[in-house]
Amino acid sequence: MNAWSRYAKAIVAVLIAALTALQAALTDDRVTNNEWIIIALAVVGAVSVFAVPNRPPKGEASDPAISEQG
């Protein structure tokens, strides 16, 4: 598995968040400092969703190859 296929969904999420915020900021043909902050927050939000690992349901092992039953 190459890096693109492993991270493709995360990369697309970051790009969509950034481009959506940028498109909204460009409605008046300029980007203000506050709008750059909004764009940055959209990107940070998308990246943080990727960075925070999923928690397994209660009672299930975090790695399916490992049994918590012993």
Protein backbone atom coordinates (compact mmCIF):
# COMPACT_ATOMS: atom_id res chain seq x y z
CA MET A 1 0.00 0.00 0.00
CA ASN A 2 1.55 3.31 -1.03
CA ALA A 3 1.36 6.54 0.98
CA TRP A 4 -1.30 8.09 -1.27
CA SER A 5 -3.78 5.25 -0.86
CA ARG A 6 -3.17 5.16 2.89
CA TYR A 7 -3.75 8.90 3.41
CA ALA A 8 -5.96 9.79 0.44
CA LYS A 9 -9.13 10.38 2.46
CA ALA A 10 -7.32 12.60 4.97
CA ILE A 11 -5.62 14.62 2.23
CA VAL A 12 -8.90 15.12 0.40
CA ALA A 13 -10.63 16.19 3.64
CA VAL A 14 -7.95 18.81 4.31
CA LEU A 15 -8.12 20.13 0.73
CA ILE A 16 -11.92 20.31 0.72
CA ALA A 17 -11.98 22.15 4.06
CA ALA A 18 -9.35 24.65 2.90
CA LEU A 19 -10.92 25.23 -0.51
CA THR A 20 -14.42 25.63 0.93
CA ALA A 21 -13.23 28.23 3.43
CA LEU A 22 -11.17 29.98 0.73
CA GLN A 23 -14.14 30.10 -1.65
CA ALA A 24 -16.30 31.68 1.07
CA ALA A 25 -13.55 34.18 1.85
CA LEU A 26 -13.19 35.20 -1.81
CA THR A 27 -16.81 36.28 -2.27
CA ASP A 28 -15.64 39.92 -2.06
CA ASP A 29 -12.47 39.27 -4.16
CA ARG A 30 -10.07 39.60 -1.23
CA VAL A 31 -9.06 37.58 1.82
CA THR A 32 -8.82 39.43 5.13
CA ASN A 33 -6.76 38.41 8.15
CA ASN A 34 -9.87 37.04 9.87
CA GLU A 35 -10.70 34.97 6.80
CA TRP A 36 -7.17 33.49 6.78
CA ILE A 37 -7.75 32.48 10.40
CA ILE A 38 -11.00 30.76 9.42
CA ILE A 39 -9.21 28.92 6.60
CA ALA A 40 -6.49 27.81 9.01
CA LEU A 41 -9.06 26.60 11.53
CA ALA A 42 -10.84 24.60 8.83
CA VAL A 43 -7.55 22.92 7.90
CA VAL A 44 -6.62 22.27 11.54
CA GLY A 45 -10.07 20.77 12.11
CA ALA A 46 -9.69 18.40 9.17
CA VAL A 47 -6.16 17.41 10.20
CA SER A 48 -7.20 16.84 13.82
CA VAL A 49 -9.94 14.44 12.75
CA PHE A 50 -7.23 12.39 11.03
CA ALA A 51 -4.75 12.73 13.90
CA VAL A 52 -7.04 11.56 16.69
CA PRO A 53 -7.28 7.76 16.63
CA ASN A 54 -10.60 5.99 16.79
CA ARG A 55 -11.41 4.35 20.09
CA PRO A 56 -12.64 0.79 19.87
CA PRO A 57 -16.07 -0.02 21.30
CA LYS A 58 -16.03 -0.98 24.97
CA GLY A 59 -14.89 -4.56 25.37
CA GLU A 60 -13.11 -4.80 22.02
CA ALA A 61 -9.35 -4.81 21.56
CA SER A 62 -7.78 -1.80 19.88
CA ASP A 63 -5.96 -4.22 17.56
CA PRO A 64 -8.24 -6.94 16.17
CA ALA A 65 -5.28 -9.35 16.16
CA ILE A 66 -5.00 -9.06 19.97
CA SER A 67 -7.50 -10.67 22.26
CA GLU A 68 -8.29 -8.97 25.57
CA GLN A 69 -9.74 -12.26 26.83
CA GLY A 70 -6.25 -13.70 27.31
